[in-house]
Every structure is written in structure tokens, then in C-alpha cells.
Amino acid sequence: RRRLAYAPDESSVYPFMSGRDLLDFVAMARSCRVD
């Protein structure tokens, strides 16, 4: 999963998360930073 990225057609993101929260979460999962 670290070798792939996936964007679904519809969002499954928690409604309380902000846009920046999502970017930070994905970056953490891929062991990098939001650059």
C-alpha cells in the first residue's frame, strides 16, 4: 500500500477532518511530509 495511491469517486473521510488534516494524515501514512 505504500507503493500506491488511491482516490475513490466518493469521499470516505471522517466528516470532522479538515482538508489539511487529510493531507497530513496521508503524508504520515506514507512516511513523508506535506511539501
PDB file of all heavy atoms in Angstrom:
ATOM      1  N   ARG A   1       0.814  -1.217   0.000  1.00  0.00           N
ATOM      2  CA  ARG A   1       0.000   0.000   0.000  1.00  0.00           C
ATOM      3  C   ARG A   1       0.845   1.264   0.000  1.00  0.00           C
ATOM      4  O   ARG A   1       0.392   2.309  -0.472  1.00  0.00           O
ATOM      5  CB  ARG A   1      -0.938  -0.014   1.211  1.00  0.00           C
ATOM      6  CG  ARG A   1      -2.082  -1.000   1.052  1.00  0.00           C
ATOM      7  CD  ARG A   1      -2.889  -1.133   2.316  1.00  0.00           C
ATOM      8  NE  ARG A   1      -3.921  -2.150   2.170  1.00  0.00           N
ATOM      9  CZ  ARG A   1      -4.641  -2.612   3.176  1.00  0.00           C
ATOM     10  NH1 ARG A   1      -4.441  -2.161   4.409  1.00  0.00           N
ATOM     11  NH2 ARG A   1      -5.561  -3.531   2.961  1.00  0.00           N
ATOM     12  N   ARG A   2       2.065   1.181   0.525  1.00  0.00           N
ATOM     13  CA  ARG A   2       2.953   2.346   0.479  1.00  0.00           C
ATOM     14  C   ARG A   2       3.430   2.635  -0.939  1.00  0.00           C
ATOM     15  O   ARG A   2       3.944   3.710  -1.209  1.00  0.00           O
ATOM     16  CB  ARG A   2       4.152   2.127   1.394  1.00  0.00           C
ATOM     17  CG  ARG A   2       3.814   2.174   2.877  1.00  0.00           C
ATOM     18  CD  ARG A   2       5.059   2.297   3.728  1.00  0.00           C
ATOM     19  NE  ARG A   2       4.736   2.253   5.137  1.00  0.00           N
ATOM     20  CZ  ARG A   2       4.919   1.200   5.924  1.00  0.00           C
ATOM     21  NH1 ARG A   2       5.445   0.088   5.418  1.00  0.00           N
ATOM     22  NH2 ARG A   2       4.602   1.239   7.201  1.00  0.00           N
ATOM     23  N   ARG A   3       3.261   1.673  -1.845  1.00  0.00           N
ATOM     24  CA  ARG A   3       3.688   1.851  -3.219  1.00  0.00           C
ATOM     25  C   ARG A   3       2.546   2.326  -4.127  1.00  0.00           C
ATOM     26  O   ARG A   3       2.729   2.434  -5.330  1.00  0.00           O
ATOM     27  CB  ARG A   3       4.255   0.538  -3.774  1.00  0.00           C
ATOM     28  CG  ARG A   3       5.642   0.198  -3.240  1.00  0.00           C
ATOM     29  CD  ARG A   3       6.038  -1.243  -3.570  1.00  0.00           C
ATOM     30  NE  ARG A   3       7.469  -1.461  -3.528  1.00  0.00           N
ATOM     31  CZ  ARG A   3       8.200  -1.538  -2.429  1.00  0.00           C
ATOM     32  NH1 ARG A   3       7.625  -1.409  -1.246  1.00  0.00           N
ATOM     33  NH2 ARG A   3       9.504  -1.746  -2.486  1.00  0.00           N
ATOM     34  N   LEU A   4       1.387   2.573  -3.545  1.00  0.00           N
ATOM     35  CA  LEU A   4       0.270   3.019  -4.376  1.00  0.00           C
ATOM     36  C   LEU A   4      -0.492   4.157  -3.716  1.00  0.00           C
ATOM     37  O   LEU A   4      -0.400   4.384  -2.509  1.00  0.00           O
ATOM     38  CB  LEU A   4      -0.682   1.846  -4.673  1.00  0.00           C
ATOM     39  CG  LEU A   4      -1.476   1.212  -3.534  1.00  0.00           C
ATOM     40  CD1 LEU A   4      -2.770   1.960  -3.247  1.00  0.00           C
ATOM     41  CD2 LEU A   4      -1.799  -0.249  -3.869  1.00  0.00           C
ATOM     42  N   ALA A   5      -1.228   4.875  -4.537  1.00  0.00           N
ATOM     43  CA  ALA A   5      -2.151   5.916  -4.081  1.00  0.00           C
ATOM     44  C   ALA A   5      -3.503   5.645  -4.705  1.00  0.00           C
ATOM     45  O   ALA A   5      -3.586   5.167  -5.842  1.00  0.00           O
ATOM     46  CB  ALA A   5      -1.642   7.298  -4.486  1.00  0.00           C
ATOM     47  N   TYR A   6      -4.564   5.969  -3.962  1.00  0.00           N
ATOM     48  CA  TYR A   6      -5.915   5.672  -4.433  1.00  0.00           C
ATOM     49  C   TYR A   6      -6.834   6.833  -4.079  1.00  0.00           C
ATOM     50  O   TYR A   6      -6.837   7.308  -2.938  1.00  0.00           O
ATOM     51  CB  TYR A   6      -6.413   4.390  -3.777  1.00  0.00           C
ATOM     52  CG  TYR A   6      -7.883   4.087  -3.981  1.00  0.00           C
ATOM     53  CD1 TYR A   6      -8.413   3.909  -5.254  1.00  0.00           C
ATOM     54  CD2 TYR A   6      -8.736   3.958  -2.888  1.00  0.00           C
ATOM     55  CE1 TYR A   6      -9.761   3.611  -5.438  1.00  0.00           C
ATOM     56  CE2 TYR A   6     -10.082   3.650  -3.055  1.00  0.00           C
ATOM     57  CZ  TYR A   6     -10.590   3.485  -4.328  1.00  0.00           C
ATOM     58  OH  TYR A   6     -11.911   3.198  -4.503  1.00  0.00           O
ATOM     59  N   ALA A   7      -7.601   7.291  -5.057  1.00  0.00           N
ATOM     60  CA  ALA A   7      -8.616   8.310  -4.820  1.00  0.00           C
ATOM     61  C   ALA A   7      -9.954   7.755  -5.275  1.00  0.00           C
ATOM     62  O   ALA A   7     -10.166   7.548  -6.471  1.00  0.00           O
ATOM     63  CB  ALA A   7      -8.285   9.596  -5.565  1.00  0.00           C
ATOM     64  N   PRO A   8     -10.881   7.494  -4.337  1.00  0.00           N
ATOM     65  CA  PRO A   8     -12.196   6.960  -4.707  1.00  0.00           C
ATOM     66  C   PRO A   8     -13.063   8.028  -5.356  1.00  0.00           C
ATOM     67  O   PRO A   8     -12.744   9.224  -5.315  1.00  0.00           O
ATOM     68  CB  PRO A   8     -12.770   6.510  -3.361  1.00  0.00           C
ATOM     69  CG  PRO A   8     -12.135   7.431  -2.368  1.00  0.00           C
ATOM     70  CD  PRO A   8     -10.748   7.690  -2.890  1.00  0.00           C
ATOM     71  N   ASP A   9     -14.162   7.595  -5.929  1.00  0.00           N
ATOM     72  CA  ASP A   9     -15.087   8.550  -6.552  1.00  0.00           C
ATOM     73  C   ASP A   9     -15.799   9.381  -5.495  1.00  0.00           C
ATOM     74  O   ASP A   9     -16.028  10.576  -5.669  1.00  0.00           O
ATOM     75  CB  ASP A   9     -16.113   7.790  -7.404  1.00  0.00           C
ATOM     76  CG  ASP A   9     -17.022   8.730  -8.185  1.00  0.00           C
ATOM     77  OD1 ASP A   9     -16.664   9.908  -8.360  1.00  0.00           O
ATOM     78  OD2 ASP A   9     -18.092   8.286  -8.631  1.00  0.00           O
ATOM     79  N   GLU A  10     -16.129   8.762  -4.362  1.00  0.00           N
ATOM     80  CA  GLU A  10     -16.823   9.457  -3.284  1.00  0.00           C
ATOM     81  C   GLU A  10     -15.969   9.429  -2.020  1.00  0.00           C
ATOM     82  O   GLU A  10     -15.266   8.454  -1.751  1.00  0.00           O
ATOM     83  CB  GLU A  10     -18.181   8.811  -3.010  1.00  0.00           C
ATOM     84  CG  GLU A  10     -19.134   8.896  -4.197  1.00  0.00           C
ATOM     85  CD  GLU A  10     -20.471   8.255  -3.903  1.00  0.00           C
ATOM     86  OE1 GLU A  10     -20.631   7.673  -2.805  1.00  0.00           O
ATOM     87  OE2 GLU A  10     -21.365   8.324  -4.768  1.00  0.00           O
ATOM     88  N   SER A  11     -16.065  10.491  -1.241  1.00  0.00           N
ATOM     89  CA  SER A  11     -15.239  10.622  -0.047  1.00  0.00           C
ATOM     90  C   SER A  11     -15.680   9.677   1.063  1.00  0.00           C
ATOM     91  O   SER A  11     -16.868   9.542   1.353  1.00  0.00           O
ATOM     92  CB  SER A  11     -15.299  12.064   0.466  1.00  0.00           C
ATOM     93  OG  SER A  11     -14.650  12.166   1.724  1.00  0.00           O
ATOM     94  N   SER A  12     -14.698   9.037   1.691  1.00  0.00           N
ATOM     95  CA  SER A  12     -14.956   8.242   2.888  1.00  0.00           C
ATOM     96  C   SER A  12     -14.232   8.842   4.089  1.00  0.00           C
ATOM     97  O   SER A  12     -14.042   8.188   5.113  1.00  0.00           O
ATOM     98  CB  SER A  12     -14.495   6.796   2.668  1.00  0.00           C
ATOM     99  OG  SER A  12     -13.105   6.768   2.337  1.00  0.00           O
ATOM    100  N   VAL A  13     -13.823  10.110   3.956  1.00  0.00           N
ATOM    101  CA  VAL A  13     -13.084  10.801   5.011  1.00  0.00           C
ATOM    102  C   VAL A  13     -14.036  11.139   6.154  1.00  0.00           C
ATOM    103  O   VAL A  13     -15.201  11.489   5.938  1.00  0.00           O
ATOM    104  CB  VAL A  13     -12.441  12.088   4.452  1.00  0.00           C
ATOM    105  CG1 VAL A  13     -11.710  12.853   5.557  1.00  0.00           C
ATOM    106  CG2 VAL A  13     -11.483  11.749   3.318  1.00  0.00           C
ATOM    107  N   TYR A  14     -13.526  11.044   7.392  1.00  0.00           N
ATOM    108  CA  TYR A  14     -14.339  11.434   8.549  1.00  0.00           C
ATOM    109  C   TYR A  14     -14.815  12.873   8.381  1.00  0.00           C
ATOM    110  O   TYR A  14     -14.024  13.759   8.042  1.00  0.00           O
ATOM    111  CB  TYR A  14     -13.537  11.321   9.844  1.00  0.00           C
ATOM    112  CG  TYR A  14     -13.222   9.901  10.249  1.00  0.00           C
ATOM    113  CD1 TYR A  14     -11.901   9.467  10.335  1.00  0.00           C
ATOM    114  CD2 TYR A  14     -14.235   9.003  10.555  1.00  0.00           C
ATOM    115  CE1 TYR A  14     -11.604   8.154  10.713  1.00  0.00           C
ATOM    116  CE2 TYR A  14     -13.952   7.693  10.927  1.00  0.00           C
ATOM    117  CZ  TYR A  14     -12.634   7.284  11.010  1.00  0.00           C
ATOM    118  OH  TYR A  14     -12.358   5.986  11.373  1.00  0.00           O
ATOM    119  N   PRO A  15     -16.099  13.142   8.623  1.00  0.00           N
ATOM    120  CA  PRO A  15     -16.641  14.481   8.366  1.00  0.00           C
ATOM    121  C   PRO A  15     -16.011  15.581   9.202  1.00  0.00           C
ATOM    122  O   PRO A  15     -16.029  16.752   8.801  1.00  0.00           O
ATOM    123  CB  PRO A  15     -18.135  14.333   8.674  1.00  0.00           C
ATOM    124  CG  PRO A  15     -18.254  13.097   9.509  1.00  0.00           C
ATOM    125  CD  PRO A  15     -17.151  12.202   9.063  1.00  0.00           C
ATOM    126  N   PHE A  16     -15.444  15.226  10.375  1.00  0.00           N
ATOM    127  CA  PHE A  16     -14.851  16.250  11.240  1.00  0.00           C
ATOM    128  C   PHE A  16     -13.435  16.628  10.812  1.00  0.00           C
ATOM    129  O   PHE A  16     -12.885  17.626  11.284  1.00  0.00           O
ATOM    130  CB  PHE A  16     -14.828  15.778  12.702  1.00  0.00           C
ATOM    131  CG  PHE A  16     -14.077  14.489  12.920  1.00  0.00           C
ATOM    132  CD1 PHE A  16     -12.696  14.468  13.024  1.00  0.00           C
ATOM    133  CD2 PHE A  16     -14.764  13.288  13.002  1.00  0.00           C
ATOM    134  CE1 PHE A  16     -12.001  13.285  13.215  1.00  0.00           C
ATOM    135  CE2 PHE A  16     -14.083  12.096  13.191  1.00  0.00           C
ATOM    136  CZ  PHE A  16     -12.703  12.085  13.301  1.00  0.00           C
ATOM    137  N   MET A  17     -12.832  15.846   9.920  1.00  0.00           N
ATOM    138  CA  MET A  17     -11.468  16.158   9.476  1.00  0.00           C
ATOM    139  C   MET A  17     -11.473  17.353   8.538  1.00  0.00           C
ATOM    140  O   MET A  17     -12.384  17.520   7.734  1.00  0.00           O
ATOM    141  CB  MET A  17     -10.852  14.954   8.757  1.00  0.00           C
ATOM    142  CG  MET A  17     -10.536  13.788   9.645  1.00  0.00           C
ATOM    143  SD  MET A  17      -9.724  12.416   8.747  1.00  0.00           S
ATOM    144  CE  MET A  17      -8.102  13.133   8.433  1.00  0.00           C
ATOM    145  N   SER A  18     -10.449  18.168   8.656  1.00  0.00           N
ATOM    146  CA  SER A  18     -10.292  19.288   7.729  1.00  0.00           C
ATOM    147  C   SER A  18      -9.486  18.839   6.518  1.00  0.00           C
ATOM    148  O   SER A  18      -8.895  17.756   6.511  1.00  0.00           O
ATOM    149  CB  SER A  18      -9.568  20.450   8.418  1.00  0.00           C
ATOM    150  OG  SER A  18      -8.207  20.118   8.667  1.00  0.00           O
ATOM    151  N   GLY A  19      -9.439  19.700   5.513  1.00  0.00           N
ATOM    152  CA  GLY A  19      -8.643  19.393   4.338  1.00  0.00           C
ATOM    153  C   GLY A  19      -7.182  19.188   4.684  1.00  0.00           C
ATOM    154  O   GLY A  19      -6.535  18.248   4.201  1.00  0.00           O
ATOM    155  N   ARG A  20      -6.645  20.050   5.539  1.00  0.00           N
ATOM    156  CA  ARG A  20      -5.241  19.928   5.937  1.00  0.00           C
ATOM    157  C   ARG A  20      -5.032  18.657   6.769  1.00  0.00           C
ATOM    158  O   ARG A  20      -3.996  17.998   6.659  1.00  0.00           O
ATOM    159  CB  ARG A  20      -4.802  21.153   6.727  1.00  0.00           C
ATOM    160  CG  ARG A  20      -3.322  21.126   7.145  1.00  0.00           C
ATOM    161  CD  ARG A  20      -2.401  21.037   5.937  1.00  0.00           C
ATOM    162  NE  ARG A  20      -1.065  20.663   6.266  1.00  0.00           N
ATOM    163  CZ  ARG A  20       0.003  21.459   6.087  1.00  0.00           C
ATOM    164  NH1 ARG A  20      -0.152  22.663   5.591  1.00  0.00           N
ATOM    165  NH2 ARG A  20       1.205  21.041   6.393  1.00  0.00           N
ATOM    166  N   ASP A  21      -6.014  18.295   7.600  1.00  0.00           N
ATOM    167  CA  ASP A  21      -5.918  17.048   8.367  1.00  0.00           C
ATOM    168  C   ASP A  21      -5.736  15.853   7.434  1.00  0.00           C
ATOM    169  O   ASP A  21      -4.926  14.960   7.706  1.00  0.00           O
ATOM    170  CB  ASP A  21      -7.184  16.826   9.203  1.00  0.00           C
ATOM    171  CG  ASP A  21      -7.297  17.760  10.388  1.00  0.00           C
ATOM    172  OD1 ASP A  21      -6.269  18.316  10.818  1.00  0.00           O
ATOM    173  OD2 ASP A  21      -8.427  17.947  10.886  1.00  0.00           O
ATOM    174  N   LEU A  22      -6.508  15.823   6.342  1.00  0.00           N
ATOM    175  CA  LEU A  22      -6.398  14.709   5.402  1.00  0.00           C
ATOM    176  C   LEU A  22      -5.011  14.657   4.787  1.00  0.00           C
ATOM    177  O   LEU A  22      -4.391  13.590   4.719  1.00  0.00           O
ATOM    178  CB  LEU A  22      -7.444  14.831   4.294  1.00  0.00           C
ATOM    179  CG  LEU A  22      -7.301  13.804   3.158  1.00  0.00           C
ATOM    180  CD1 LEU A  22      -7.566  12.392   3.663  1.00  0.00           C
ATOM    181  CD2 LEU A  22      -8.211  14.143   1.994  1.00  0.00           C
ATOM    182  N   LEU A  23      -4.517  15.804   4.336  1.00  0.00           N
ATOM    183  CA  LEU A  23      -3.190  15.835   3.718  1.00  0.00           C
ATOM    184  C   LEU A  23      -2.115  15.386   4.698  1.00  0.00           C
ATOM    185  O   LEU A  23      -1.222  14.602   4.345  1.00  0.00           O
ATOM    186  CB  LEU A  23      -2.890  17.242   3.200  1.00  0.00           C
ATOM    187  CG  LEU A  23      -3.849  17.805   2.143  1.00  0.00           C
ATOM    188  CD1 LEU A  23      -3.393  19.204   1.714  1.00  0.00           C
ATOM    189  CD2 LEU A  23      -3.974  16.890   0.940  1.00  0.00           C
ATOM    190  N   ASP A  24      -2.192  15.859   5.946  1.00  0.00           N
ATOM    191  CA  ASP A  24      -1.207  15.467   6.968  1.00  0.00           C
ATOM    192  C   ASP A  24      -1.305  13.977   7.276  1.00  0.00           C
ATOM    193  O   ASP A  24      -0.281  13.306   7.454  1.00  0.00           O
ATOM    194  CB  ASP A  24      -1.420  16.278   8.253  1.00  0.00           C
ATOM    195  CG  ASP A  24      -0.983  17.728   8.115  1.00  0.00           C
ATOM    196  OD1 ASP A  24      -0.136  18.017   7.246  1.00  0.00           O
ATOM    197  OD2 ASP A  24      -1.490  18.566   8.881  1.00  0.00           O
ATOM    198  N   PHE A  25      -2.517  13.452   7.332  1.00  0.00           N
ATOM    199  CA  PHE A  25      -2.713  12.033   7.642  1.00  0.00           C
ATOM    200  C   PHE A  25      -2.115  11.150   6.547  1.00  0.00           C
ATOM    201  O   PHE A  25      -1.414  10.172   6.832  1.00  0.00           O
ATOM    202  CB  PHE A  25      -4.200  11.743   7.800  1.00  0.00           C
ATOM    203  CG  PHE A  25      -4.515  10.293   8.054  1.00  0.00           C
ATOM    204  CD1 PHE A  25      -4.360   9.749   9.326  1.00  0.00           C
ATOM    205  CD2 PHE A  25      -4.931   9.462   7.018  1.00  0.00           C
ATOM    206  CE1 PHE A  25      -4.628   8.399   9.558  1.00  0.00           C
ATOM    207  CE2 PHE A  25      -5.208   8.124   7.248  1.00  0.00           C
ATOM    208  CZ  PHE A  25      -5.052   7.590   8.521  1.00  0.00           C
ATOM    209  N   VAL A  26      -2.371  11.487   5.295  1.00  0.00           N
ATOM    210  CA  VAL A  26      -1.843  10.701   4.182  1.00  0.00           C
ATOM    211  C   VAL A  26      -0.322  10.790   4.145  1.00  0.00           C
ATOM    212  O   VAL A  26       0.371   9.787   3.915  1.00  0.00           O
ATOM    213  CB  VAL A  26      -2.460  11.167   2.849  1.00  0.00           C
ATOM    214  CG1 VAL A  26      -1.775  10.486   1.668  1.00  0.00           C
ATOM    215  CG2 VAL A  26      -3.960  10.871   2.837  1.00  0.00           C
ATOM    216  N   ALA A  27       0.212  11.986   4.376  1.00  0.00           N
ATOM    217  CA  ALA A  27       1.663  12.148   4.386  1.00  0.00           C
ATOM    218  C   ALA A  27       2.300  11.301   5.491  1.00  0.00           C
ATOM    219  O   ALA A  27       3.335  10.655   5.281  1.00  0.00           O
ATOM    220  CB  ALA A  27       2.024  13.618   4.571  1.00  0.00           C
ATOM    221  N   MET A  28       1.684  11.273   6.663  1.00  0.00           N
ATOM    222  CA  MET A  28       2.201  10.464   7.766  1.00  0.00           C
ATOM    223  C   MET A  28       2.175   8.988   7.400  1.00  0.00           C
ATOM    224  O   MET A  28       3.128   8.251   7.655  1.00  0.00           O
ATOM    225  CB  MET A  28       1.370  10.710   9.025  1.00  0.00           C
ATOM    226  CG  MET A  28       1.809   9.876  10.232  1.00  0.00           C
ATOM    227  SD  MET A  28       0.738  10.104  11.675  1.00  0.00           S
ATOM    228  CE  MET A  28      -0.787   9.375  11.061  1.00  0.00           C
ATOM    229  N   ALA A  29       1.082   8.539   6.761  1.00  0.00           N
ATOM    230  CA  ALA A  29       0.967   7.135   6.372  1.00  0.00           C
ATOM    231  C   ALA A  29       2.032   6.744   5.357  1.00  0.00           C
ATOM    232  O   ALA A  29       2.442   5.575   5.300  1.00  0.00           O
ATOM    233  CB  ALA A  29      -0.424   6.871   5.810  1.00  0.00           C
ATOM    234  N   ARG A  30       2.484   7.710   4.550  1.00  0.00           N
ATOM    235  CA  ARG A  30       3.499   7.433   3.536  1.00  0.00           C
ATOM    236  C   ARG A  30       4.894   7.864   3.983  1.00  0.00           C
ATOM    237  O   ARG A  30       5.823   7.931   3.183  1.00  0.00           O
ATOM    238  CB  ARG A  30       3.117   8.121   2.221  1.00  0.00           C
ATOM    239  CG  ARG A  30       1.838   7.542   1.635  1.00  0.00           C
ATOM    240  CD  ARG A  30       1.452   8.145   0.320  1.00  0.00           C
ATOM    241  NE  ARG A  30       0.119   7.664  -0.051  1.00  0.00           N
ATOM    242  CZ  ARG A  30      -0.722   8.292  -0.839  1.00  0.00           C
ATOM    243  NH1 ARG A  30      -0.371   9.451  -1.375  1.00  0.00           N
ATOM    244  NH2 ARG A  30      -1.910   7.795  -1.106  1.00  0.00           N
ATOM    245  N   SER A  31       5.025   8.145   5.277  1.00  0.00           N
ATOM    246  CA  SER A  31       6.323   8.490   5.880  1.00  0.00           C
ATOM    247  C   SER A  31       6.990   9.673   5.189  1.00  0.00           C
ATOM    248  O   SER A  31       8.193   9.651   4.889  1.00  0.00           O
ATOM    249  CB  SER A  31       7.261   7.270   5.864  1.00  0.00           C
ATOM    250  OG  SER A  31       6.676   6.195   6.563  1.00  0.00           O
ATOM    251  N   CYS A  32       6.196  10.700   4.904  1.00  0.00           N
ATOM    252  CA  CYS A  32       6.745  11.918   4.306  1.00  0.00           C
ATOM    253  C   CYS A  32       6.000  13.121   4.876  1.00  0.00           C
ATOM    254  O   CYS A  32       5.249  12.992   5.848  1.00  0.00           O
ATOM    255  CB  CYS A  32       6.633  11.868   2.783  1.00  0.00           C
ATOM    256  SG  CYS A  32       4.943  11.780   2.161  1.00  0.00           S
ATOM    257  N   ARG A  33       6.226  14.272   4.296  1.00  0.00           N
ATOM    258  CA  ARG A  33       5.576  15.497   4.763  1.00  0.00           C
ATOM    259  C   ARG A  33       4.767  16.124   3.641  1.00  0.00           C
ATOM    260  O   ARG A  33       4.997  15.845   2.468  1.00  0.00           O
ATOM    261  CB  ARG A  33       6.624  16.505   5.251  1.00  0.00           C
ATOM    262  CG  ARG A  33       7.387  16.062   6.491  1.00  0.00           C
ATOM    263  CD  ARG A  33       8.351  17.153   6.935  1.00  0.00           C
ATOM    264  NE  ARG A  33       9.068  16.773   8.145  1.00  0.00           N
ATOM    265  CZ  ARG A  33       9.941  17.553   8.760  1.00  0.00           C
ATOM    266  NH1 ARG A  33      10.219  18.764   8.253  1.00  0.00           N
ATOM    267  NH2 ARG A  33      10.544  17.150   9.859  1.00  0.00           N
ATOM    268  N   VAL A  34       3.837  16.982   4.032  1.00  0.00           N
ATOM    269  CA  VAL A  34       3.116  17.779   3.044  1.00  0.00           C
ATOM    270  C   VAL A  34       4.076  18.865   2.566  1.00  0.00           C
ATOM    271  O   VAL A  34       4.346  19.825   3.280  1.00  0.00           O
ATOM    272  CB  VAL A  34       1.843  18.410   3.655  1.00  0.00           C
ATOM    273  CG1 VAL A  34       1.152  19.306   2.636  1.00  0.00           C
ATOM    274  CG2 VAL A  34       0.893  17.329   4.134  1.00  0.00           C
ATOM    275  N   ASP A  35       4.617  18.684   1.373  1.00  0.00           N
ATOM    276  CA  ASP A  35       5.641  19.603   0.884  1.00  0.00           C
ATOM    277  C   ASP A  35       5.046  20.671  -0.025  1.00  0.00           C
ATOM    278  O   ASP A  35       3.827  20.772  -0.199  1.00  0.00           O
ATOM    279  CB  ASP A  35       6.750  18.825   0.159  1.00  0.00           C
ATOM    280  CG  ASP A  35       6.211  18.006  -1.017  1.00  0.00           C
ATOM    281  OD1 ASP A  35       5.054  18.246  -1.447  1.00  0.00           O
ATOM    282  OD2 ASP A  35       6.948  17.140  -1.520  1.00  0.00           O
TER     283      ASP A  35
END
